[in-house]
Amino acid sequence: MASLHHLLSQPIPNLPSSSTPLFPQYTLHIPSLTSLKPKPSNPKKSLLSKSLTVPLALTGSSDSPTSLEPNDPQSLLQQLADSFDLPQDYFAQLPNDLRLDLNDAAFDLSNGPVISEFGKELGETLLNLSRAWEVADTSTSHSLASKLPGLADSLTENAKSALGKRLVSAGRRFQSMGQYGQGELQKIAKVMITTGRLLSARSVSTAAEEQPQGARMLKFGDLQVELTSDKANIGAVIGLAFGIISWEVGQGVQGIPESSLQYANDNALLLAKSLRGALLALCYSSTILSASTAVALIFLGRQLKSKE
């Protein structure tokens, strides 16, 4: 007890004052969140790469008929021929209602003066192709359609327009068949209609380019007549002659007195009067229209002659 009391009575020695901590401190470097972000790339460069990717993906496909140039009829007809590469006896297996539509397509393709429009070789090819559709001969149809690209160079501008109209008309027949099988009929319809429209559009644009500047054309459907001063004067003479004839006929009808005619009853009298009035109105209106047309053609002839 004396030793313990002795120890407790001794003063506690002063600890050395130092700025050094009892426990060593270690600094842990934690990277900030911003340092973990990847280095941003150039936004203009990334947008440019994306903008270049999309057009390439759109223009890279050549399956659609519209990807062909309208100035290349051979490529158009080649794609048309490829669309008839069907399984064997495909047409023969069609239902009766679709066979009727196929016959209608054959009629639209071969209707009219085919030989005179397209020549002997192409005309006979189209006629044989339509017969193959009528008898539902798939292999013959494909072989005949494969001859069309080789005959593209022999097509004139008028023949291209006529062929385009026939293909559009026949293609609509295929389009009316609806979905059948794996959609082969709709593919044929799409190719035929697109090919026909491109051929027709090309022929019309070429004819417009070949038309001489300053020439005036008078169109009656597919018939085009160039207007000249001589033709305008001839038309004026014809119109004037027709007007004189209409005037003389009207005067003759008007000069017949009503009392000189006998009618069975009052109803017949009323009918005769109405017919007489209608005939007079027709004759005099024809006279006025003919005179107006003649005067207009005379002025047009002078205008065309001054330009020449």
C-alpha atoms as a PDB file:
ATOM      1  CA  MET A   1       0.000   0.000   0.000  1.00  0.00           C
ATOM      2  CA  ALA A   2       2.879   2.369   0.745  1.00  0.00           C
ATOM      3  CA  SER A   3       4.388   1.770  -2.732  1.00  0.00           C
ATOM      4  CA  LEU A   4       1.028   2.330  -4.432  1.00  0.00           C
ATOM      5  CA  HIS A   5       0.467   5.536  -2.502  1.00  0.00           C
ATOM      6  CA  HIS A   6       3.920   6.644  -3.507  1.00  0.00           C
ATOM      7  CA  LEU A   7       3.239   6.162  -7.154  1.00  0.00           C
ATOM      8  CA  LEU A   8      -0.043   8.000  -7.077  1.00  0.00           C
ATOM      9  CA  SER A   9       1.443  10.909  -5.267  1.00  0.00           C
ATOM     10  CA  GLN A  10       4.046  11.536  -7.964  1.00  0.00           C
ATOM     11  CA  PRO A  11       3.105  14.254 -10.500  1.00  0.00           C
ATOM     12  CA  ILE A  12       2.235  13.172 -14.020  1.00  0.00           C
ATOM     13  CA  PRO A  13       5.033  14.212 -16.353  1.00  0.00           C
ATOM     14  CA  ASN A  14       4.063  16.748 -19.078  1.00  0.00           C
ATOM     15  CA  LEU A  15       3.707  15.282 -22.504  1.00  0.00           C
ATOM     16  CA  PRO A  16       5.835  16.913 -25.126  1.00  0.00           C
ATOM     17  CA  SER A  17       3.893  19.384 -27.159  1.00  0.00           C
ATOM     18  CA  SER A  18       4.260  18.574 -30.785  1.00  0.00           C
ATOM     19  CA  SER A  19       2.201  19.029 -33.839  1.00  0.00           C
ATOM     20  CA  THR A  20       2.879  15.461 -34.831  1.00  0.00           C
ATOM     21  CA  PRO A  21      -0.267  13.376 -34.370  1.00  0.00           C
ATOM     22  CA  LEU A  22      -0.211  10.135 -32.525  1.00  0.00           C
ATOM     23  CA  PHE A  23      -1.461   8.248 -35.553  1.00  0.00           C
ATOM     24  CA  PRO A  24      -0.026   8.937 -38.975  1.00  0.00           C
ATOM     25  CA  GLN A  25      -2.450  10.328 -41.525  1.00  0.00           C
ATOM     26  CA  TYR A  26      -2.497   8.976 -45.020  1.00  0.00           C
ATOM     27  CA  THR A  27      -4.165  10.903 -47.826  1.00  0.00           C
ATOM     28  CA  LEU A  28      -6.383   8.830 -50.117  1.00  0.00           C
ATOM     29  CA  HIS A  29      -6.898  10.358 -53.535  1.00  0.00           C
ATOM     30  CA  ILE A  30     -10.417   9.659 -54.849  1.00  0.00           C
ATOM     31  CA  PRO A  31     -10.925  10.724 -58.430  1.00  0.00           C
ATOM     32  CA  SER A  32     -13.854  12.976 -59.067  1.00  0.00           C
ATOM     33  CA  LEU A  33     -16.822  11.880 -61.110  1.00  0.00           C
ATOM     34  CA  THR A  34     -15.948  14.241 -63.898  1.00  0.00           C
ATOM     35  CA  SER A  35     -12.576  12.560 -64.366  1.00  0.00           C
ATOM     36  CA  LEU A  36     -14.339   9.238 -64.942  1.00  0.00           C
ATOM     37  CA  LYS A  37     -16.282  10.586 -67.965  1.00  0.00           C
ATOM     38  CA  PRO A  38     -14.915   9.616 -71.353  1.00  0.00           C
ATOM     39  CA  LYS A  39     -13.363  12.287 -73.435  1.00  0.00           C
ATOM     40  CA  PRO A  40     -16.039  13.762 -75.591  1.00  0.00           C
ATOM     41  CA  SER A  41     -15.538  13.426 -79.271  1.00  0.00           C
ATOM     42  CA  ASN A  42     -16.141  16.089 -81.849  1.00  0.00           C
ATOM     43  CA  PRO A  43     -19.925  16.431 -82.148  1.00  0.00           C
ATOM     44  CA  LYS A  44     -19.748  17.736 -85.708  1.00  0.00           C
ATOM     45  CA  LYS A  45     -17.762  14.721 -86.764  1.00  0.00           C
ATOM     46  CA  SER A  46     -20.239  12.279 -85.210  1.00  0.00           C
ATOM     47  CA  LEU A  47     -23.209  14.048 -86.770  1.00  0.00           C
ATOM     48  CA  LEU A  48     -21.478  14.024 -90.107  1.00  0.00           C
ATOM     49  CA  SER A  49     -20.837  10.300 -89.906  1.00  0.00           C
ATOM     50  CA  LYS A  50     -24.489   9.672 -89.055  1.00  0.00           C
ATOM     51  CA  SER A  51     -25.756  11.871 -91.847  1.00  0.00           C
ATOM     52  CA  LEU A  52     -23.577  10.010 -94.336  1.00  0.00           C
ATOM     53  CA  THR A  53     -24.758   6.618 -93.175  1.00  0.00           C
ATOM     54  CA  VAL A  54     -28.466   7.164 -93.785  1.00  0.00           C
ATOM     55  CA  PRO A  55     -28.315   8.222 -97.451  1.00  0.00           C
ATOM     56  CA  LEU A  56     -26.016   5.338 -98.248  1.00  0.00           C
ATOM     57  CA  ALA A  57     -28.495   2.950 -96.710  1.00  0.00           C
ATOM     58  CA  LEU A  58     -31.310   4.440 -98.760  1.00  0.00           C
ATOM     59  CA  THR A  59     -29.526   4.602-102.055  1.00  0.00           C
ATOM     60  CA  GLY A  60     -27.778   1.324-101.742  1.00  0.00           C
ATOM     61  CA  SER A  61     -30.899  -0.723-102.369  1.00  0.00           C
ATOM     62  CA  SER A  62     -31.577  -1.527-106.011  1.00  0.00           C
ATOM     63  CA  ASP A  63     -34.559  -3.815-105.523  1.00  0.00           C
ATOM     64  CA  SER A  64     -37.166  -1.157-106.082  1.00  0.00           C
ATOM     65  CA  PRO A  65     -38.077  -0.239-109.659  1.00  0.00           C
ATOM     66  CA  THR A  66     -37.728   3.468-108.964  1.00  0.00           C
ATOM     67  CA  SER A  67     -33.986   3.086-108.400  1.00  0.00           C
ATOM     68  CA  LEU A  68     -33.505   2.638-112.141  1.00  0.00           C
ATOM     69  CA  GLU A  69     -32.749   5.536-114.416  1.00  0.00           C
ATOM     70  CA  PRO A  70     -35.676   6.452-116.671  1.00  0.00           C
ATOM     71  CA  ASN A  71     -33.189   7.023-119.529  1.00  0.00           C
ATOM     72  CA  ASP A  72     -32.303   3.325-119.623  1.00  0.00           C
ATOM     73  CA  PRO A  73     -35.237   1.366-121.134  1.00  0.00           C
ATOM     74  CA  GLN A  74     -33.136  -1.783-121.346  1.00  0.00           C
ATOM     75  CA  SER A  75     -32.651  -1.880-117.565  1.00  0.00           C
ATOM     76  CA  LEU A  76     -36.352  -1.209-117.022  1.00  0.00           C
ATOM     77  CA  LEU A  77     -37.365  -4.061-119.305  1.00  0.00           C
ATOM     78  CA  GLN A  78     -34.741  -6.327-117.724  1.00  0.00           C
ATOM     79  CA  GLN A  79     -36.272  -5.819-114.306  1.00  0.00           C
ATOM     80  CA  LEU A  80     -39.684  -6.479-115.840  1.00  0.00           C
ATOM     81  CA  ALA A  81     -38.387  -9.755-117.264  1.00  0.00           C
ATOM     82  CA  ASP A  82     -36.900 -10.733-113.890  1.00  0.00           C
ATOM     83  CA  SER A  83     -40.267 -10.264-112.203  1.00  0.00           C
ATOM     84  CA  PHE A  84     -41.703 -13.099-114.333  1.00  0.00           C
ATOM     85  CA  ASP A  85     -39.139 -15.578-113.005  1.00  0.00           C
ATOM     86  CA  LEU A  86     -41.828 -17.533-111.168  1.00  0.00           C
ATOM     87  CA  PRO A  87     -42.136 -21.115-109.949  1.00  0.00           C
ATOM     88  CA  GLN A  88     -43.138 -23.685-112.531  1.00  0.00           C
ATOM     89  CA  ASP A  89     -46.888 -23.809-113.322  1.00  0.00           C
ATOM     90  CA  TYR A  90     -47.469 -20.726-111.178  1.00  0.00           C
ATOM     91  CA  PHE A  91     -50.070 -19.263-113.528  1.00  0.00           C
ATOM     92  CA  ALA A  92     -51.729 -22.641-114.015  1.00  0.00           C
ATOM     93  CA  GLN A  93     -52.317 -22.951-110.270  1.00  0.00           C
ATOM     94  CA  LEU A  94     -54.117 -19.627-109.978  1.00  0.00           C
ATOM     95  CA  PRO A  95     -57.802 -19.683-109.012  1.00  0.00           C
ATOM     96  CA  ASN A  96     -60.412 -19.139-111.711  1.00  0.00           C
ATOM     97  CA  ASP A  97     -61.095 -15.508-110.786  1.00  0.00           C
ATOM     98  CA  LEU A  98     -57.383 -14.660-110.956  1.00  0.00           C
ATOM     99  CA  ARG A  99     -57.122 -16.485-114.290  1.00  0.00           C
ATOM    100  CA  LEU A 100     -59.812 -14.138-115.623  1.00  0.00           C
ATOM    101  CA  ASP A 101     -57.794 -11.143-114.465  1.00  0.00           C
ATOM    102  CA  LEU A 102     -54.737 -12.633-116.171  1.00  0.00           C
ATOM    103  CA  ASN A 103     -56.703 -12.909-119.416  1.00  0.00           C
ATOM    104  CA  ASP A 104     -57.745  -9.269-119.049  1.00  0.00           C
ATOM    105  CA  ALA A 105     -54.084  -8.304-118.633  1.00  0.00           C
ATOM    106  CA  ALA A 106     -53.254 -10.231-121.804  1.00  0.00           C
ATOM    107  CA  PHE A 107     -55.996  -8.343-123.654  1.00  0.00           C
ATOM    108  CA  ASP A 108     -54.729  -4.954-122.458  1.00  0.00           C
ATOM    109  CA  LEU A 109     -51.194  -5.831-123.559  1.00  0.00           C
ATOM    110  CA  SER A 110     -52.095  -7.038-127.074  1.00  0.00           C
ATOM    111  CA  ASN A 111     -55.166  -4.961-127.892  1.00  0.00           C
ATOM    112  CA  GLY A 112     -55.041  -2.841-131.034  1.00  0.00           C
ATOM    113  CA  PRO A 113     -52.518  -2.608-133.880  1.00  0.00           C
ATOM    114  CA  VAL A 114     -49.538  -4.090-132.075  1.00  0.00           C
ATOM    115  CA  ILE A 115     -47.465  -4.907-135.161  1.00  0.00           C
ATOM    116  CA  SER A 116     -47.873  -1.455-136.682  1.00  0.00           C
ATOM    117  CA  GLU A 117     -46.973   0.272-133.403  1.00  0.00           C
ATOM    118  CA  PHE A 118     -43.906  -1.766-132.404  1.00  0.00           C
ATOM    119  CA  GLY A 119     -42.715  -3.518-135.533  1.00  0.00           C
ATOM    120  CA  LYS A 120     -42.776  -7.184-136.402  1.00  0.00           C
ATOM    121  CA  GLU A 121     -40.291  -8.569-133.868  1.00  0.00           C
ATOM    122  CA  LEU A 122     -41.431  -6.711-130.772  1.00  0.00           C
ATOM    123  CA  GLY A 123     -45.081  -6.858-131.813  1.00  0.00           C
ATOM    124  CA  GLU A 124     -44.999 -10.635-132.215  1.00  0.00           C
ATOM    125  CA  THR A 125     -43.197 -10.948-128.876  1.00  0.00           C
ATOM    126  CA  LEU A 126     -45.966  -9.023-127.135  1.00  0.00           C
ATOM    127  CA  LEU A 127     -48.661 -11.060-128.881  1.00  0.00           C
ATOM    128  CA  ASN A 128     -46.996 -14.331-127.927  1.00  0.00           C
ATOM    129  CA  LEU A 129     -46.560 -13.097-124.370  1.00  0.00           C
ATOM    130  CA  SER A 130     -50.258 -12.319-124.123  1.00  0.00           C
ATOM    131  CA  ARG A 131     -51.099 -15.784-125.501  1.00  0.00           C
ATOM    132  CA  ALA A 132     -48.826 -17.335-122.864  1.00  0.00           C
ATOM    133  CA  TRP A 133     -50.806 -15.502-120.197  1.00  0.00           C
ATOM    134  CA  GLU A 134     -54.081 -16.701-121.676  1.00  0.00           C
ATOM    135  CA  VAL A 135     -52.995 -20.359-121.534  1.00  0.00           C
ATOM    136  CA  ALA A 136     -51.249 -19.824-118.156  1.00  0.00           C
ATOM    137  CA  ASP A 137     -47.828 -20.918-119.466  1.00  0.00           C
ATOM    138  CA  THR A 138     -45.372 -19.621-116.869  1.00  0.00           C
ATOM    139  CA  SER A 139     -42.107 -20.782-118.465  1.00  0.00           C
ATOM    140  CA  THR A 140     -43.008 -19.439-121.916  1.00  0.00           C
ATOM    141  CA  SER A 141     -44.053 -16.160-120.329  1.00  0.00           C
ATOM    142  CA  HIS A 142     -40.651 -15.792-118.671  1.00  0.00           C
ATOM    143  CA  SER A 143     -38.729 -16.687-121.812  1.00  0.00           C
ATOM    144  CA  LEU A 144     -40.698 -14.196-123.919  1.00  0.00           C
ATOM    145  CA  ALA A 145     -40.346 -11.454-121.310  1.00  0.00           C
ATOM    146  CA  SER A 146     -36.580 -12.075-121.303  1.00  0.00           C
ATOM    147  CA  LYS A 147     -36.492 -11.031-124.980  1.00  0.00           C
ATOM    148  CA  LEU A 148     -37.813  -7.543-124.248  1.00  0.00           C
ATOM    149  CA  PRO A 149     -34.516  -6.000-122.986  1.00  0.00           C
ATOM    150  CA  GLY A 150     -32.779  -6.962-126.221  1.00  0.00           C
ATOM    151  CA  LEU A 151     -35.446  -5.150-128.242  1.00  0.00           C
ATOM    152  CA  ALA A 152     -35.238  -1.897-126.295  1.00  0.00           C
ATOM    153  CA  ASP A 153     -32.916  -0.264-128.820  1.00  0.00           C
ATOM    154  CA  SER A 154     -35.467  -0.692-131.619  1.00  0.00           C
ATOM    155  CA  LEU A 155     -38.107   1.332-129.770  1.00  0.00           C
ATOM    156  CA  THR A 156     -38.944   4.758-131.107  1.00  0.00           C
ATOM    157  CA  GLU A 157     -40.256   7.498-128.851  1.00  0.00           C
ATOM    158  CA  ASN A 158     -43.844   6.859-129.938  1.00  0.00           C
ATOM    159  CA  ALA A 159     -43.360   3.132-129.426  1.00  0.00           C
ATOM    160  CA  LYS A 160     -42.008   3.706-125.925  1.00  0.00           C
ATOM    161  CA  SER A 161     -45.044   5.797-125.056  1.00  0.00           C
ATOM    162  CA  ALA A 162     -47.423   3.184-126.473  1.00  0.00           C
ATOM    163  CA  LEU A 163     -45.614   0.343-124.692  1.00  0.00           C
ATOM    164  CA  GLY A 164     -45.648   2.284-121.434  1.00  0.00           C
ATOM    165  CA  LYS A 165     -49.417   2.762-121.620  1.00  0.00           C
ATOM    166  CA  ARG A 166     -49.960  -0.925-122.321  1.00  0.00           C
ATOM    167  CA  LEU A 167     -47.725  -1.945-119.422  1.00  0.00           C
ATOM    168  CA  VAL A 168     -49.549   0.399-117.034  1.00  0.00           C
ATOM    169  CA  SER A 169     -52.937  -0.962-118.124  1.00  0.00           C
ATOM    170  CA  ALA A 170     -51.822  -4.597-117.833  1.00  0.00           C
ATOM    171  CA  GLY A 171     -50.070  -3.890-114.535  1.00  0.00           C
ATOM    172  CA  ARG A 172     -53.300  -2.609-113.029  1.00  0.00           C
ATOM    173  CA  ARG A 173     -54.893  -5.934-113.916  1.00  0.00           C
ATOM    174  CA  PHE A 174     -52.176  -7.716-111.951  1.00  0.00           C
ATOM    175  CA  GLN A 175     -52.659  -5.223-109.124  1.00  0.00           C
ATOM    176  CA  SER A 176     -56.361  -6.047-108.926  1.00  0.00           C
ATOM    177  CA  MET A 177     -55.517  -9.717-108.266  1.00  0.00           C
ATOM    178  CA  GLY A 178     -54.532  -8.856-104.696  1.00  0.00           C
ATOM    179  CA  GLN A 179     -52.179 -10.843-102.501  1.00  0.00           C
ATOM    180  CA  TYR A 180     -51.546 -14.413-103.606  1.00  0.00           C
ATOM    181  CA  GLY A 181     -48.762 -16.768-102.634  1.00  0.00           C
ATOM    182  CA  GLN A 182     -45.650 -14.858-101.656  1.00  0.00           C
ATOM    183  CA  GLY A 183     -46.813 -11.612-103.262  1.00  0.00           C
ATOM    184  CA  GLU A 184     -45.422 -12.376-106.724  1.00  0.00           C
ATOM    185  CA  LEU A 185     -48.426 -10.859-108.503  1.00  0.00           C
ATOM    186  CA  GLN A 186     -48.115  -7.575-106.643  1.00  0.00           C
ATOM    187  CA  LYS A 187     -44.410  -7.427-107.445  1.00  0.00           C
ATOM    188  CA  ILE A 188     -45.184  -7.928-111.135  1.00  0.00           C
ATOM    189  CA  ALA A 189     -47.851  -5.223-110.937  1.00  0.00           C
ATOM    190  CA  LYS A 190     -45.496  -2.757-109.271  1.00  0.00           C
ATOM    191  CA  VAL A 191     -42.716  -3.342-111.788  1.00  0.00           C
ATOM    192  CA  MET A 192     -45.053  -3.143-114.784  1.00  0.00           C
ATOM    193  CA  ILE A 193     -46.752   0.058-113.655  1.00  0.00           C
ATOM    194  CA  THR A 194     -43.473   1.748-112.735  1.00  0.00           C
ATOM    195  CA  THR A 195     -41.791   0.688-115.975  1.00  0.00           C
ATOM    196  CA  GLY A 196     -44.759   1.860-118.024  1.00  0.00           C
ATOM    197  CA  ARG A 197     -44.866   5.251-116.350  1.00  0.00           C
ATOM    198  CA  LEU A 198     -41.139   5.796-116.746  1.00  0.00           C
ATOM    199  CA  LEU A 199     -41.236   4.875-120.432  1.00  0.00           C
ATOM    200  CA  SER A 200     -44.214   7.157-121.044  1.00  0.00           C
ATOM    201  CA  ALA A 201     -42.651  10.036-119.102  1.00  0.00           C
ATOM    202  CA  ARG A 202     -39.374   9.691-120.985  1.00  0.00           C
ATOM    203  CA  SER A 203     -41.080   9.716-124.383  1.00  0.00           C
ATOM    204  CA  VAL A 204     -43.108  12.802-123.497  1.00  0.00           C
ATOM    205  CA  SER A 205     -40.059  14.695-122.197  1.00  0.00           C
ATOM    206  CA  THR A 206     -38.013  13.728-125.258  1.00  0.00           C
ATOM    207  CA  ALA A 207     -40.761  14.865-127.600  1.00  0.00           C
ATOM    208  CA  ALA A 208     -40.926  18.187-125.766  1.00  0.00           C
ATOM    209  CA  GLU A 209     -37.162  18.627-126.104  1.00  0.00           C
ATOM    210  CA  GLU A 210     -37.246  17.805-129.807  1.00  0.00           C
ATOM    211  CA  GLN A 211     -40.065  20.260-130.464  1.00  0.00           C
ATOM    212  CA  PRO A 212     -38.692  23.357-132.208  1.00  0.00           C
ATOM    213  CA  GLN A 213     -38.816  26.552-130.237  1.00  0.00           C
ATOM    214  CA  GLY A 214     -41.695  28.828-131.157  1.00  0.00           C
ATOM    215  CA  ALA A 215     -43.756  26.029-132.755  1.00  0.00           C
ATOM    216  CA  ARG A 216     -47.339  25.682-131.624  1.00  0.00           C
ATOM    217  CA  MET A 217     -48.882  22.256-131.376  1.00  0.00           C
ATOM    218  CA  LEU A 218     -52.569  21.376-131.544  1.00  0.00           C
ATOM    219  CA  LYS A 219     -53.322  18.118-129.709  1.00  0.00           C
ATOM    220  CA  PHE A 220     -56.242  15.759-130.241  1.00  0.00           C
ATOM    221  CA  GLY A 221     -55.532  12.965-127.786  1.00  0.00           C
ATOM    222  CA  ASP A 222     -52.379  11.228-129.049  1.00  0.00           C
ATOM    223  CA  LEU A 223     -52.493  13.133-132.369  1.00  0.00           C
ATOM    224  CA  GLN A 224     -50.351  16.263-132.551  1.00  0.00           C
ATOM    225  CA  VAL A 225     -50.593  18.781-135.392  1.00  0.00           C
ATOM    226  CA  GLU A 226     -48.185  21.656-135.769  1.00  0.00           C
ATOM    227  CA  LEU A 227     -49.898  24.988-136.355  1.00  0.00           C
ATOM    228  CA  THR A 228     -48.644  27.059-139.289  1.00  0.00           C
ATOM    229  CA  SER A 229     -49.988  30.128-141.022  1.00  0.00           C
ATOM    230  CA  ASP A 230     -51.147  28.111-144.044  1.00  0.00           C
ATOM    231  CA  LYS A 231     -53.028  25.610-141.894  1.00  0.00           C
ATOM    232  CA  ALA A 232     -54.647  28.434-139.951  1.00  0.00           C
ATOM    233  CA  ASN A 233     -55.836  30.080-143.177  1.00  0.00           C
ATOM    234  CA  ILE A 234     -57.205  26.779-144.471  1.00  0.00           C
ATOM    235  CA  GLY A 235     -59.066  26.286-141.193  1.00  0.00           C
ATOM    236  CA  ALA A 236     -60.498  29.803-141.471  1.00  0.00           C
ATOM    237  CA  VAL A 237     -61.831  29.076-144.963  1.00  0.00           C
ATOM    238  CA  ILE A 238     -63.417  25.807-143.796  1.00  0.00           C
ATOM    239  CA  GLY A 239     -65.011  27.545-140.817  1.00  0.00           C
ATOM    240  CA  LEU A 240     -66.358  30.319-142.990  1.00  0.00           C
ATOM    241  CA  ALA A 241     -67.852  27.818-145.443  1.00  0.00           C
ATOM    242  CA  PHE A 242     -69.476  25.863-142.628  1.00  0.00           C
ATOM    243  CA  GLY A 243     -70.930  29.085-141.235  1.00  0.00           C
ATOM    244  CA  ILE A 244     -72.440  30.006-144.603  1.00  0.00           C
ATOM    245  CA  ILE A 245     -74.010  26.563-144.930  1.00  0.00           C
ATOM    246  CA  SER A 246     -75.468  26.788-141.409  1.00  0.00           C
ATOM    247  CA  TRP A 247     -76.887  30.234-142.183  1.00  0.00           C
ATOM    248  CA  GLU A 248     -78.533  29.035-145.388  1.00  0.00           C
ATOM    249  CA  VAL A 249     -80.072  26.049-143.648  1.00  0.00           C
ATOM    250  CA  GLY A 250     -81.434  28.265-140.899  1.00  0.00           C
ATOM    251  CA  GLN A 251     -82.890  30.676-143.425  1.00  0.00           C
ATOM    252  CA  GLY A 252     -84.504  27.819-145.282  1.00  0.00           C
ATOM    253  CA  VAL A 253     -86.131  26.414-142.167  1.00  0.00           C
ATOM    254  CA  GLN A 254     -87.308  29.831-141.080  1.00  0.00           C
ATOM    255  CA  GLY A 255     -88.781  30.546-144.524  1.00  0.00           C
ATOM    256  CA  ILE A 256     -91.214  27.631-144.362  1.00  0.00           C
ATOM    257  CA  PRO A 257     -94.590  28.984-143.159  1.00  0.00           C
ATOM    258  CA  GLU A 258     -96.275  27.052-140.411  1.00  0.00           C
ATOM    259  CA  SER A 259     -99.644  27.260-142.156  1.00  0.00           C
ATOM    260  CA  SER A 260     -98.386  25.171-145.053  1.00  0.00           C
ATOM    261  CA  LEU A 261     -97.885  22.147-142.854  1.00  0.00           C
ATOM    262  CA  GLN A 262    -100.627  19.875-141.637  1.00  0.00           C
ATOM    263  CA  TYR A 263    -100.493  18.023-138.334  1.00  0.00           C
ATOM    264  CA  ALA A 264    -102.621  15.210-137.012  1.00  0.00           C
ATOM    265  CA  ASN A 265    -103.352  16.833-133.675  1.00  0.00           C
ATOM    266  CA  ASP A 266    -102.259  19.586-131.324  1.00  0.00           C
ATOM    267  CA  ASN A 267     -99.542  17.484-129.729  1.00  0.00           C
ATOM    268  CA  ALA A 268     -97.900  16.966-133.103  1.00  0.00           C
ATOM    269  CA  LEU A 269     -98.128  20.700-133.754  1.00  0.00           C
ATOM    270  CA  LEU A 270     -96.388  21.522-130.468  1.00  0.00           C
ATOM    271  CA  LEU A 271     -93.702  18.940-131.143  1.00  0.00           C
ATOM    272  CA  ALA A 272     -93.066  20.337-134.631  1.00  0.00           C
ATOM    273  CA  LYS A 273     -92.783  23.873-133.310  1.00  0.00           C
ATOM    274  CA  SER A 274     -90.305  22.831-130.625  1.00  0.00           C
ATOM    275  CA  LEU A 275     -88.211  20.909-133.143  1.00  0.00           C
ATOM    276  CA  ARG A 276     -88.281  23.863-135.556  1.00  0.00           C
ATOM    277  CA  GLY A 277     -87.102  26.232-132.812  1.00  0.00           C
ATOM    278  CA  ALA A 278     -84.322  23.864-131.756  1.00  0.00           C
ATOM    279  CA  LEU A 279     -83.139  23.484-135.349  1.00  0.00           C
ATOM    280  CA  LEU A 280     -83.093  27.250-135.889  1.00  0.00           C
ATOM    281  CA  ALA A 281     -81.140  27.769-132.666  1.00  0.00           C
ATOM    282  CA  LEU A 282     -78.640  25.104-133.722  1.00  0.00           C
ATOM    283  CA  CYS A 283     -78.144  26.575-137.207  1.00  0.00           C
ATOM    284  CA  TYR A 284     -77.683  30.161-136.052  1.00  0.00           C
ATOM    285  CA  SER A 285     -75.417  29.214-133.142  1.00  0.00           C
ATOM    286  CA  SER A 286     -73.272  27.167-135.552  1.00  0.00           C
ATOM    287  CA  THR A 287     -73.100  30.186-137.836  1.00  0.00           C
ATOM    288  CA  ILE A 288     -71.903  32.436-135.016  1.00  0.00           C
ATOM    289  CA  LEU A 289     -69.323  29.912-133.782  1.00  0.00           C
ATOM    290  CA  SER A 290     -68.022  29.277-137.292  1.00  0.00           C
ATOM    291  CA  ALA A 291     -67.647  32.988-137.988  1.00  0.00           C
ATOM    292  CA  SER A 292     -65.853  33.542-134.683  1.00  0.00           C
ATOM    293  CA  THR A 293     -63.520  30.611-135.338  1.00  0.00           C
ATOM    294  CA  ALA A 294     -62.742  31.853-138.842  1.00  0.00           C
ATOM    295  CA  VAL A 295     -61.858  35.336-137.578  1.00  0.00           C
ATOM    296  CA  ALA A 296     -59.665  33.890-134.805  1.00  0.00           C
ATOM    297  CA  LEU A 297     -57.833  31.616-137.248  1.00  0.00           C
ATOM    298  CA  ILE A 298     -57.197  34.530-139.601  1.00  0.00           C
ATOM    299  CA  PHE A 299     -55.556  36.522-136.812  1.00  0.00           C
ATOM    300  CA  LEU A 300     -53.612  33.435-135.710  1.00  0.00           C
ATOM    301  CA  GLY A 301     -52.375  32.878-139.260  1.00  0.00           C
ATOM    302  CA  ARG A 302     -51.130  36.464-139.476  1.00  0.00           C
ATOM    303  CA  GLN A 303     -49.391  36.135-136.117  1.00  0.00           C
ATOM    304  CA  LEU A 304     -47.659  32.903-137.133  1.00  0.00           C
ATOM    305  CA  LYS A 305     -46.654  34.365-140.471  1.00  0.00           C
ATOM    306  CA  SER A 306     -45.077  37.382-138.804  1.00  0.00           C
ATOM    307  CA  LYS A 307     -43.034  35.110-136.533  1.00  0.00           C
ATOM    308  CA  GLU A 308     -41.795  33.093-139.473  1.00  0.00           C
END
